């Protein structure tokens, strides 16, 4: 099912209307960024503005969870491959060439985990 671009409905609706004047370049940039995130321009403006006060937006949290689940699957796949190669190596005494590819995949996944964790750092948090 496609992700909903609009914000979830709220009780009582949204009664406040803000009008905004933009240049064509600003409007284009907002539309492109909203399309990249899979949200409406209005949702992008609200979430990105309020996130400065509230932390991460719903869209950012969803993207983060998606990235973390992909990492989890990547690590599980790498672990399975390495276990299978180790099983063969233990029984035959030979190390298959696939080990190098599996280890490279594992290194890439660990690097991606480091990138995601780095993106989670809070401003002002000690390094």
C-alpha atoms as a PDB file:
ATOM      1  CA  UNK A   1       0.000   0.000   0.000  1.00  0.00           C
ATOM      2  CA  UNK A   2       1.298   3.475  -0.866  1.00  0.00           C
ATOM      3  CA  UNK A   3       2.392   5.757   1.955  1.00  0.00           C
ATOM      4  CA  UNK A   4      -0.086   8.522   2.726  1.00  0.00           C
ATOM      5  CA  UNK A   5       1.268  11.907   1.627  1.00  0.00           C
ATOM      6  CA  UNK A   6      -1.108  13.916   3.788  1.00  0.00           C
ATOM      7  CA  UNK A   7      -1.002  14.212   7.542  1.00  0.00           C
ATOM      8  CA  UNK A   8      -3.375  12.064   9.565  1.00  0.00           C
ATOM      9  CA  UNK A   9      -6.788  13.568  10.270  1.00  0.00           C
ATOM     10  CA  UNK A  10      -7.230  15.179  13.661  1.00  0.00           C
ATOM     11  CA  UNK A  11     -10.360  15.751  15.721  1.00  0.00           C
ATOM     12  CA  UNK A  12     -11.903  19.134  15.003  1.00  0.00           C
ATOM     13  CA  UNK A  13      -9.927  19.497  11.812  1.00  0.00           C
ATOM     14  CA  UNK A  14      -7.344  22.139  11.037  1.00  0.00           C
ATOM     15  CA  UNK A  15      -8.995  25.524  11.235  1.00  0.00           C
ATOM     16  CA  UNK A  16      -5.961  27.782  10.837  1.00  0.00           C
ATOM     17  CA  UNK A  17      -4.942  28.655   7.291  1.00  0.00           C
ATOM     18  CA  UNK A  18      -1.581  30.221   6.494  1.00  0.00           C
ATOM     19  CA  UNK A  19      -0.854  31.733   3.121  1.00  0.00           C
ATOM     20  CA  UNK A  20       2.676  31.761   1.816  1.00  0.00           C
ATOM     21  CA  UNK A  21       4.219  33.584  -1.117  1.00  0.00           C
ATOM     22  CA  UNK A  22       7.099  31.852  -2.847  1.00  0.00           C
ATOM     23  CA  UNK A  23       9.235  32.405  -5.893  1.00  0.00           C
ATOM     24  CA  UNK A  24       8.986  29.823  -8.659  1.00  0.00           C
ATOM     25  CA  UNK A  25      12.428  28.509  -7.683  1.00  0.00           C
ATOM     26  CA  UNK A  26      11.426  28.150  -4.021  1.00  0.00           C
ATOM     27  CA  UNK A  27       8.196  26.370  -4.960  1.00  0.00           C
ATOM     28  CA  UNK A  28      10.055  24.016  -7.285  1.00  0.00           C
ATOM     29  CA  UNK A  29      12.636  23.207  -4.616  1.00  0.00           C
ATOM     30  CA  UNK A  30       9.899  22.472  -2.072  1.00  0.00           C
ATOM     31  CA  UNK A  31       7.986  20.257  -4.508  1.00  0.00           C
ATOM     32  CA  UNK A  32      11.095  18.278  -5.421  1.00  0.00           C
ATOM     33  CA  UNK A  33      12.058  17.779  -1.766  1.00  0.00           C
ATOM     34  CA  UNK A  34       8.494  16.785  -0.811  1.00  0.00           C
ATOM     35  CA  UNK A  35       8.373  14.281  -3.696  1.00  0.00           C
ATOM     36  CA  UNK A  36      11.709  12.797  -2.589  1.00  0.00           C
ATOM     37  CA  UNK A  37      10.260  12.242   0.893  1.00  0.00           C
ATOM     38  CA  UNK A  38       6.878  11.065  -0.416  1.00  0.00           C
ATOM     39  CA  UNK A  39       4.919  13.777   1.397  1.00  0.00           C
ATOM     40  CA  UNK A  40       2.900  16.825   0.404  1.00  0.00           C
ATOM     41  CA  UNK A  41       4.521  20.262   0.376  1.00  0.00           C
ATOM     42  CA  UNK A  42       2.238  21.311   3.220  1.00  0.00           C
ATOM     43  CA  UNK A  43       3.260  18.321   5.324  1.00  0.00           C
ATOM     44  CA  UNK A  44       6.922  18.962   4.544  1.00  0.00           C
ATOM     45  CA  UNK A  45       6.633  22.574   5.710  1.00  0.00           C
ATOM     46  CA  UNK A  46       4.802  21.692   8.930  1.00  0.00           C
ATOM     47  CA  UNK A  47       7.015  18.733   9.856  1.00  0.00           C
ATOM     48  CA  UNK A  48      10.314  20.398   9.046  1.00  0.00           C
ATOM     49  CA  UNK A  49       9.386  23.553  10.933  1.00  0.00           C
ATOM     50  CA  UNK A  50       7.999  21.825  14.001  1.00  0.00           C
ATOM     51  CA  UNK A  51      10.842  19.302  14.109  1.00  0.00           C
ATOM     52  CA  UNK A  52      13.129  22.113  15.233  1.00  0.00           C
ATOM     53  CA  UNK A  53      11.078  22.218  18.438  1.00  0.00           C
ATOM     54  CA  UNK A  54       9.959  18.590  18.712  1.00  0.00           C
ATOM     55  CA  UNK A  55      12.924  16.606  17.411  1.00  0.00           C
ATOM     56  CA  UNK A  56      12.478  14.229  14.480  1.00  0.00           C
ATOM     57  CA  UNK A  57       9.380  14.258  12.289  1.00  0.00           C
ATOM     58  CA  UNK A  58       7.099  11.313  11.632  1.00  0.00           C
ATOM     59  CA  UNK A  59       8.531  11.047   8.118  1.00  0.00           C
ATOM     60  CA  UNK A  60      12.106  11.073   9.414  1.00  0.00           C
ATOM     61  CA  UNK A  61      11.245   8.434  12.025  1.00  0.00           C
ATOM     62  CA  UNK A  62       9.631   6.231   9.345  1.00  0.00           C
ATOM     63  CA  UNK A  63      12.677   6.583   7.099  1.00  0.00           C
ATOM     64  CA  UNK A  64      14.972   5.804  10.017  1.00  0.00           C
ATOM     65  CA  UNK A  65      13.018   2.685  10.957  1.00  0.00           C
ATOM     66  CA  UNK A  66      13.066   1.555   7.332  1.00  0.00           C
ATOM     67  CA  UNK A  67      16.848   1.995   7.238  1.00  0.00           C
ATOM     68  CA  UNK A  68      17.281   0.089  10.486  1.00  0.00           C
ATOM     69  CA  UNK A  69      15.134  -2.826   9.279  1.00  0.00           C
ATOM     70  CA  UNK A  70      17.174  -2.968   6.055  1.00  0.00           C
ATOM     71  CA  UNK A  71      20.340  -3.084   8.131  1.00  0.00           C
ATOM     72  CA  UNK A  72      18.898  -5.863  10.284  1.00  0.00           C
ATOM     73  CA  UNK A  73      18.095  -7.940   7.195  1.00  0.00           C
ATOM     74  CA  UNK A  74      21.559  -7.237   5.764  1.00  0.00           C
ATOM     75  CA  UNK A  75      23.306  -8.397   8.906  1.00  0.00           C
ATOM     76  CA  UNK A  76      21.145 -11.515   9.113  1.00  0.00           C
ATOM     77  CA  UNK A  77      21.959 -12.394   5.494  1.00  0.00           C
ATOM     78  CA  UNK A  78      25.683 -11.828   6.029  1.00  0.00           C
ATOM     79  CA  UNK A  79      25.628 -13.913   9.202  1.00  0.00           C
ATOM     80  CA  UNK A  80      23.859 -16.770   7.433  1.00  0.00           C
ATOM     81  CA  UNK A  81      26.368 -16.715   4.569  1.00  0.00           C
ATOM     82  CA  UNK A  82      29.348 -16.712   6.921  1.00  0.00           C
ATOM     83  CA  UNK A  83      27.855 -19.585   8.960  1.00  0.00           C
ATOM     84  CA  UNK A  84      27.372 -21.668   5.825  1.00  0.00           C
ATOM     85  CA  UNK A  85      30.925 -20.966   4.666  1.00  0.00           C
ATOM     86  CA  UNK A  86      32.293 -21.796   8.139  1.00  0.00           C
ATOM     87  CA  UNK A  87      30.356 -25.083   8.155  1.00  0.00           C
ATOM     88  CA  UNK A  88      31.969 -26.078   4.843  1.00  0.00           C
ATOM     89  CA  UNK A  89      35.404 -24.880   6.004  1.00  0.00           C
ATOM     90  CA  UNK A  90      35.124 -26.922   9.193  1.00  0.00           C
ATOM     91  CA  UNK A  91      34.151 -30.097   7.352  1.00  0.00           C
ATOM     92  CA  UNK A  92      36.536 -29.835   4.376  1.00  0.00           C
ATOM     93  CA  UNK A  93      39.327 -27.616   5.643  1.00  0.00           C
ATOM     94  CA  UNK A  94      38.858 -25.361   2.580  1.00  0.00           C
ATOM     95  CA  UNK A  95      37.818 -21.711   2.647  1.00  0.00           C
ATOM     96  CA  UNK A  96      35.562 -20.865  -0.278  1.00  0.00           C
ATOM     97  CA  UNK A  97      35.927 -17.670  -2.328  1.00  0.00           C
ATOM     98  CA  UNK A  98      32.436 -16.618  -1.246  1.00  0.00           C
ATOM     99  CA  UNK A  99      33.889 -15.757   2.142  1.00  0.00           C
ATOM    100  CA  UNK A 100      35.500 -12.631   0.719  1.00  0.00           C
ATOM    101  CA  UNK A 101      32.212 -11.402  -0.762  1.00  0.00           C
ATOM    102  CA  UNK A 102      30.329 -12.152   2.440  1.00  0.00           C
ATOM    103  CA  UNK A 103      32.894 -10.354   4.554  1.00  0.00           C
ATOM    104  CA  UNK A 104      32.789  -7.358   2.206  1.00  0.00           C
ATOM    105  CA  UNK A 105      28.989  -7.318   2.471  1.00  0.00           C
ATOM    106  CA  UNK A 106      29.297  -7.468   6.249  1.00  0.00           C
ATOM    107  CA  UNK A 107      31.792  -4.587   6.278  1.00  0.00           C
ATOM    108  CA  UNK A 108      29.497  -2.488   4.057  1.00  0.00           C
ATOM    109  CA  UNK A 109      26.539  -3.209   6.347  1.00  0.00           C
ATOM    110  CA  UNK A 110      28.534  -2.232   9.433  1.00  0.00           C
ATOM    111  CA  UNK A 111      29.601   0.986   7.682  1.00  0.00           C
ATOM    112  CA  UNK A 112      25.946   1.722   6.894  1.00  0.00           C
ATOM    113  CA  UNK A 113      25.053   1.138  10.556  1.00  0.00           C
ATOM    114  CA  UNK A 114      27.757   3.627  11.532  1.00  0.00           C
ATOM    115  CA  UNK A 115      26.256   6.182   9.122  1.00  0.00           C
ATOM    116  CA  UNK A 116      22.754   5.715  10.542  1.00  0.00           C
ATOM    117  CA  UNK A 117      24.009   5.964  14.114  1.00  0.00           C
ATOM    118  CA  UNK A 118      25.960   9.102  13.205  1.00  0.00           C
ATOM    119  CA  UNK A 119      22.765  10.644  11.795  1.00  0.00           C
ATOM    120  CA  UNK A 120      21.062  10.005  15.154  1.00  0.00           C
ATOM    121  CA  UNK A 121      23.528  12.102  17.118  1.00  0.00           C
ATOM    122  CA  UNK A 122      21.871  14.885  19.039  1.00  0.00           C
ATOM    123  CA  UNK A 123      23.246  18.402  18.579  1.00  0.00           C
ATOM    124  CA  UNK A 124      25.577  19.141  21.473  1.00  0.00           C
ATOM    125  CA  UNK A 125      26.015  15.441  22.352  1.00  0.00           C
ATOM    126  CA  UNK A 126      29.618  14.564  23.177  1.00  0.00           C
ATOM    127  CA  UNK A 127      31.413  12.648  20.427  1.00  0.00           C
END
